[in-house]
Amino acid sequence: MTEKIKVLISDDQKGIRIPTGIRMLIRRCCNAVLKLENFDGGAEISVRFVNDAEIHKLNKEFRNVDAPTDVLSFPLKSGDDYDVNPDSGLKMLGDIVISIERAVAQAEEYNHSLQREIAYLTVHSMLHLLGYDHEGGGLPAVRMREKEETVLTQIGLPRNSSYYMDE
């Protein structure tokens, strides 16, 4: 079982009110991923809500992609180890940046709740922070998708029949 998990959540946009319960949901998602992965020790994760303009800027700056996206992951792992916060002693996994505008649009597009979409984006990004990658497709992408669905089912937000992402 994992030790202390600290999830720092900030809302750095003004356009969309973050619904009640979302912060707790994000913490549950982070905990569930770390438990599934048998993560050893305490962890610290930062989650930021931004608008499309801000995530577009970050995507261009850090990934050289001139377009908005739904979520960005900024892992802090260097080599085989995570940096440790000297104040808390927790391993700093990294930063998750979610476009709330994109999350709202995708929840509508995939015909599921905003809670399901934000949970999916959080779990997806947490797996990136732990070193998973789907960009190349194939088996790593399938494994990542399976882990996402396992966690989402565990926290009570399983895929519904209309939820399918074509990779």
C-alpha atoms as a PDB file:
ATOM      1  CA  MET A   1       0.000   0.000   0.000  1.00  0.00           C
ATOM      2  CA  THR A   2       1.237   3.470  -0.820  1.00  0.00           C
ATOM      3  CA  GLU A   3       2.251   5.973   1.806  1.00  0.00           C
ATOM      4  CA  LYS A   4       1.214   9.627   1.929  1.00  0.00           C
ATOM      5  CA  ILE A   5       0.014  11.064  -1.357  1.00  0.00           C
ATOM      6  CA  LYS A   6      -0.099  14.844  -1.727  1.00  0.00           C
ATOM      7  CA  VAL A   7      -2.078  16.176  -4.697  1.00  0.00           C
ATOM      8  CA  LEU A   8      -1.794  19.925  -5.212  1.00  0.00           C
ATOM      9  CA  ILE A   9      -4.693  21.188  -7.335  1.00  0.00           C
ATOM     10  CA  SER A  10      -4.923  24.698  -8.767  1.00  0.00           C
ATOM     11  CA  ASP A  11      -7.552  26.319 -10.964  1.00  0.00           C
ATOM     12  CA  ASP A  12      -5.677  28.749 -13.214  1.00  0.00           C
ATOM     13  CA  GLN A  13      -8.591  29.668 -15.477  1.00  0.00           C
ATOM     14  CA  LYS A  14     -11.696  31.803 -15.015  1.00  0.00           C
ATOM     15  CA  GLY A  15     -14.086  30.557 -17.713  1.00  0.00           C
ATOM     16  CA  ILE A  16     -15.541  27.357 -16.271  1.00  0.00           C
ATOM     17  CA  ARG A  17     -16.412  26.605 -12.662  1.00  0.00           C
ATOM     18  CA  ILE A  18     -14.820  23.364 -11.470  1.00  0.00           C
ATOM     19  CA  PRO A  19     -17.714  21.237 -10.147  1.00  0.00           C
ATOM     20  CA  THR A  20     -17.886  20.229  -6.497  1.00  0.00           C
ATOM     21  CA  GLY A  21     -16.227  16.890  -5.848  1.00  0.00           C
ATOM     22  CA  ILE A  22     -13.731  17.095  -8.720  1.00  0.00           C
ATOM     23  CA  ARG A  23     -10.769  17.708  -6.409  1.00  0.00           C
ATOM     24  CA  MET A  24     -11.629  14.608  -4.356  1.00  0.00           C
ATOM     25  CA  LEU A  25     -12.104  12.612  -7.577  1.00  0.00           C
ATOM     26  CA  ILE A  26      -8.650  13.658  -8.821  1.00  0.00           C
ATOM     27  CA  ARG A  27      -7.096  12.576  -5.516  1.00  0.00           C
ATOM     28  CA  ARG A  28      -8.899   9.213  -5.738  1.00  0.00           C
ATOM     29  CA  CYS A  29      -7.596   8.729  -9.293  1.00  0.00           C
ATOM     30  CA  CYS A  30      -4.003   9.509  -8.291  1.00  0.00           C
ATOM     31  CA  ASN A  31      -4.207   7.142  -5.317  1.00  0.00           C
ATOM     32  CA  ALA A  32      -5.779   4.359  -7.402  1.00  0.00           C
ATOM     33  CA  VAL A  33      -3.054   4.550 -10.079  1.00  0.00           C
ATOM     34  CA  LEU A  34      -0.272   4.477  -7.480  1.00  0.00           C
ATOM     35  CA  LYS A  35      -1.931   1.518  -5.739  1.00  0.00           C
ATOM     36  CA  LEU A  36      -2.352  -0.376  -9.038  1.00  0.00           C
ATOM     37  CA  GLU A  37       1.314   0.220  -9.840  1.00  0.00           C
ATOM     38  CA  ASN A  38       2.481  -0.767  -6.324  1.00  0.00           C
ATOM     39  CA  PHE A  39       4.249   2.590  -6.102  1.00  0.00           C
ATOM     40  CA  ASP A  40       6.755   2.520  -3.279  1.00  0.00           C
ATOM     41  CA  GLY A  41       6.839   5.487  -0.898  1.00  0.00           C
ATOM     42  CA  GLY A  42       4.991   8.771  -0.672  1.00  0.00           C
ATOM     43  CA  ALA A  43       4.297  10.925  -3.718  1.00  0.00           C
ATOM     44  CA  GLU A  44       3.484  14.491  -4.653  1.00  0.00           C
ATOM     45  CA  ILE A  45       1.582  15.425  -7.815  1.00  0.00           C
ATOM     46  CA  SER A  46       0.555  18.838  -9.090  1.00  0.00           C
ATOM     47  CA  VAL A  47      -2.666  19.209 -11.113  1.00  0.00           C
ATOM     48  CA  ARG A  48      -3.548  22.497 -12.852  1.00  0.00           C
ATOM     49  CA  PHE A  49      -6.759  23.427 -14.622  1.00  0.00           C
ATOM     50  CA  VAL A  50      -6.183  25.858 -17.494  1.00  0.00           C
ATOM     51  CA  ASN A  51      -8.073  27.135 -20.541  1.00  0.00           C
ATOM     52  CA  ASP A  52      -7.447  26.138 -24.169  1.00  0.00           C
ATOM     53  CA  ALA A  53      -5.254  29.187 -24.838  1.00  0.00           C
ATOM     54  CA  GLU A  54      -2.889  28.309 -21.972  1.00  0.00           C
ATOM     55  CA  ILE A  55      -2.617  24.604 -22.835  1.00  0.00           C
ATOM     56  CA  HIS A  56      -2.053  25.572 -26.491  1.00  0.00           C
ATOM     57  CA  LYS A  57       0.844  27.773 -25.385  1.00  0.00           C
ATOM     58  CA  LEU A  58       2.329  24.970 -23.221  1.00  0.00           C
ATOM     59  CA  ASN A  59       1.864  22.370 -25.975  1.00  0.00           C
ATOM     60  CA  LYS A  60       3.705  24.598 -28.448  1.00  0.00           C
ATOM     61  CA  GLU A  61       6.473  25.478 -25.995  1.00  0.00           C
ATOM     62  CA  PHE A  62       7.181  21.983 -24.639  1.00  0.00           C
ATOM     63  CA  ARG A  63       6.057  19.601 -27.400  1.00  0.00           C
ATOM     64  CA  ASN A  64       6.376  21.825 -30.470  1.00  0.00           C
ATOM     65  CA  VAL A  65       2.719  21.121 -31.294  1.00  0.00           C
ATOM     66  CA  ASP A  66       0.888  24.295 -32.352  1.00  0.00           C
ATOM     67  CA  ALA A  67      -2.575  23.282 -31.115  1.00  0.00           C
ATOM     68  CA  PRO A  68      -4.522  22.958 -27.886  1.00  0.00           C
ATOM     69  CA  THR A  69      -4.784  19.502 -26.319  1.00  0.00           C
ATOM     70  CA  ASP A  70      -6.795  17.954 -23.484  1.00  0.00           C
ATOM     71  CA  VAL A  71      -4.017  17.117 -21.018  1.00  0.00           C
ATOM     72  CA  LEU A  72      -0.256  17.485 -20.696  1.00  0.00           C
ATOM     73  CA  SER A  73       2.041  15.519 -18.393  1.00  0.00           C
ATOM     74  CA  PHE A  74       5.342  16.842 -17.137  1.00  0.00           C
ATOM     75  CA  PRO A  75       7.170  13.983 -15.374  1.00  0.00           C
ATOM     76  CA  LEU A  76       9.893  14.939 -12.909  1.00  0.00           C
ATOM     77  CA  LYS A  77      11.636  11.567 -12.999  1.00  0.00           C
ATOM     78  CA  SER A  78      15.327  11.850 -13.779  1.00  0.00           C
ATOM     79  CA  GLY A  79      16.807   8.515 -14.789  1.00  0.00           C
ATOM     80  CA  ASP A  80      15.484   5.841 -12.457  1.00  0.00           C
ATOM     81  CA  ASP A  81      14.657   8.165  -9.581  1.00  0.00           C
ATOM     82  CA  TYR A  82      12.218  10.886  -8.711  1.00  0.00           C
ATOM     83  CA  ASP A  83      13.262  14.171  -7.178  1.00  0.00           C
ATOM     84  CA  VAL A  84      12.293  14.313  -3.514  1.00  0.00           C
ATOM     85  CA  ASN A  85      10.658  17.362  -1.936  1.00  0.00           C
ATOM     86  CA  PRO A  86      13.085  18.287   0.878  1.00  0.00           C
ATOM     87  CA  ASP A  87      10.228  19.672   3.024  1.00  0.00           C
ATOM     88  CA  SER A  88       7.901  16.658   2.834  1.00  0.00           C
ATOM     89  CA  GLY A  89      10.227  13.797   1.861  1.00  0.00           C
ATOM     90  CA  LEU A  90       7.722  12.866  -0.865  1.00  0.00           C
ATOM     91  CA  LYS A  91       8.758  11.779  -4.359  1.00  0.00           C
ATOM     92  CA  MET A  92       7.722  14.502  -6.828  1.00  0.00           C
ATOM     93  CA  LEU A  93       6.092  12.684  -9.734  1.00  0.00           C
ATOM     94  CA  GLY A  94       5.390  15.770 -11.821  1.00  0.00           C
ATOM     95  CA  ASP A  95       2.707  18.070 -13.143  1.00  0.00           C
ATOM     96  CA  ILE A  96      -0.605  17.354 -14.843  1.00  0.00           C
ATOM     97  CA  VAL A  97      -2.183  20.204 -16.821  1.00  0.00           C
ATOM     98  CA  ILE A  98      -5.830  19.762 -17.873  1.00  0.00           C
ATOM     99  CA  SER A  99      -7.737  22.013 -20.267  1.00  0.00           C
ATOM    100  CA  ILE A 100     -11.136  22.284 -18.589  1.00  0.00           C
ATOM    101  CA  GLU A 101     -12.602  23.667 -21.845  1.00  0.00           C
ATOM    102  CA  ARG A 102     -11.403  20.588 -23.736  1.00  0.00           C
ATOM    103  CA  ALA A 103     -12.593  18.252 -20.951  1.00  0.00           C
ATOM    104  CA  VAL A 104     -16.111  19.735 -21.118  1.00  0.00           C
ATOM    105  CA  ALA A 105     -16.189  19.388 -24.934  1.00  0.00           C
ATOM    106  CA  GLN A 106     -14.888  15.790 -24.863  1.00  0.00           C
ATOM    107  CA  ALA A 107     -17.339  14.727 -22.157  1.00  0.00           C
ATOM    108  CA  GLU A 108     -20.099  15.931 -24.471  1.00  0.00           C
ATOM    109  CA  GLU A 109     -18.506  14.342 -27.547  1.00  0.00           C
ATOM    110  CA  TYR A 110     -18.072  10.930 -25.851  1.00  0.00           C
ATOM    111  CA  ASN A 111     -21.479  11.165 -24.182  1.00  0.00           C
ATOM    112  CA  HIS A 112     -20.278  10.736 -20.605  1.00  0.00           C
ATOM    113  CA  SER A 113     -20.015  12.910 -17.519  1.00  0.00           C
ATOM    114  CA  LEU A 114     -17.430  15.629 -16.972  1.00  0.00           C
ATOM    115  CA  GLN A 115     -16.389  13.621 -13.902  1.00  0.00           C
ATOM    116  CA  ARG A 116     -15.622  10.588 -16.116  1.00  0.00           C
ATOM    117  CA  GLU A 117     -13.628  12.750 -18.533  1.00  0.00           C
ATOM    118  CA  ILE A 118     -11.560  14.456 -15.837  1.00  0.00           C
ATOM    119  CA  ALA A 119     -10.962  11.098 -14.134  1.00  0.00           C
ATOM    120  CA  TYR A 120      -9.813   9.619 -17.454  1.00  0.00           C
ATOM    121  CA  LEU A 121      -7.465  12.545 -18.167  1.00  0.00           C
ATOM    122  CA  THR A 122      -6.030  12.340 -14.636  1.00  0.00           C
ATOM    123  CA  VAL A 123      -5.457   8.569 -14.784  1.00  0.00           C
ATOM    124  CA  HIS A 124      -3.996   8.835 -18.305  1.00  0.00           C
ATOM    125  CA  SER A 125      -1.616  11.572 -17.212  1.00  0.00           C
ATOM    126  CA  MET A 126      -0.647   9.770 -13.980  1.00  0.00           C
ATOM    127  CA  LEU A 127       0.421   6.770 -16.058  1.00  0.00           C
ATOM    128  CA  HIS A 128       2.594   9.108 -18.166  1.00  0.00           C
ATOM    129  CA  LEU A 129       4.164  10.464 -14.973  1.00  0.00           C
ATOM    130  CA  LEU A 130       5.030   6.863 -14.052  1.00  0.00           C
ATOM    131  CA  GLY A 131       6.698   6.255 -17.413  1.00  0.00           C
ATOM    132  CA  TYR A 132       3.939   4.763 -19.579  1.00  0.00           C
ATOM    133  CA  ASP A 133       3.730   5.861 -23.194  1.00  0.00           C
ATOM    134  CA  HIS A 134       1.149   5.293 -25.929  1.00  0.00           C
ATOM    135  CA  GLU A 135       2.581   7.561 -28.638  1.00  0.00           C
ATOM    136  CA  GLY A 136       4.137   4.679 -30.576  1.00  0.00           C
ATOM    137  CA  GLY A 137       0.938   2.611 -30.535  1.00  0.00           C
ATOM    138  CA  GLY A 138       1.157  -1.177 -30.352  1.00  0.00           C
ATOM    139  CA  LEU A 139       1.377  -3.154 -27.122  1.00  0.00           C
ATOM    140  CA  PRO A 140       2.495  -0.246 -24.872  1.00  0.00           C
ATOM    141  CA  ALA A 141      -0.605   1.712 -25.937  1.00  0.00           C
ATOM    142  CA  VAL A 142      -2.862  -1.316 -25.315  1.00  0.00           C
ATOM    143  CA  ARG A 143      -1.312  -1.886 -21.862  1.00  0.00           C
ATOM    144  CA  MET A 144      -1.779   1.768 -20.963  1.00  0.00           C
ATOM    145  CA  ARG A 145      -5.427   1.726 -22.088  1.00  0.00           C
ATOM    146  CA  GLU A 146      -6.078  -1.449 -20.064  1.00  0.00           C
ATOM    147  CA  LYS A 147      -4.598   0.152 -16.941  1.00  0.00           C
ATOM    148  CA  GLU A 148      -6.699   3.283 -17.480  1.00  0.00           C
ATOM    149  CA  GLU A 149      -9.894   1.260 -17.680  1.00  0.00           C
ATOM    150  CA  THR A 150      -8.923  -0.890 -14.681  1.00  0.00           C
ATOM    151  CA  VAL A 151      -8.483   2.191 -12.496  1.00  0.00           C
ATOM    152  CA  LEU A 152     -11.626   3.923 -13.797  1.00  0.00           C
ATOM    153  CA  THR A 153     -13.671   0.781 -13.131  1.00  0.00           C
ATOM    154  CA  GLN A 154     -12.179   0.505  -9.619  1.00  0.00           C
ATOM    155  CA  ILE A 155     -13.278   4.051  -8.775  1.00  0.00           C
ATOM    156  CA  GLY A 156     -16.757   3.460 -10.177  1.00  0.00           C
ATOM    157  CA  LEU A 157     -16.475   5.165 -13.575  1.00  0.00           C
ATOM    158  CA  PRO A 158     -16.329   2.303 -16.080  1.00  0.00           C
ATOM    159  CA  ARG A 159     -16.453   2.833 -19.816  1.00  0.00           C
ATOM    160  CA  ASN A 160     -19.977   3.097 -21.165  1.00  0.00           C
ATOM    161  CA  SER A 161     -21.001   1.617 -24.487  1.00  0.00           C
ATOM    162  CA  SER A 162     -20.571   4.898 -26.359  1.00  0.00           C
ATOM    163  CA  TYR A 163     -17.058   5.535 -25.058  1.00  0.00           C
ATOM    164  CA  TYR A 164     -14.507   4.513 -27.624  1.00  0.00           C
ATOM    165  CA  MET A 165     -11.362   6.314 -28.675  1.00  0.00           C
ATOM    166  CA  ASP A 166     -10.074   5.546 -32.111  1.00  0.00           C
ATOM    167  CA  GLU A 167      -6.277   5.609 -31.932  1.00  0.00           C
END
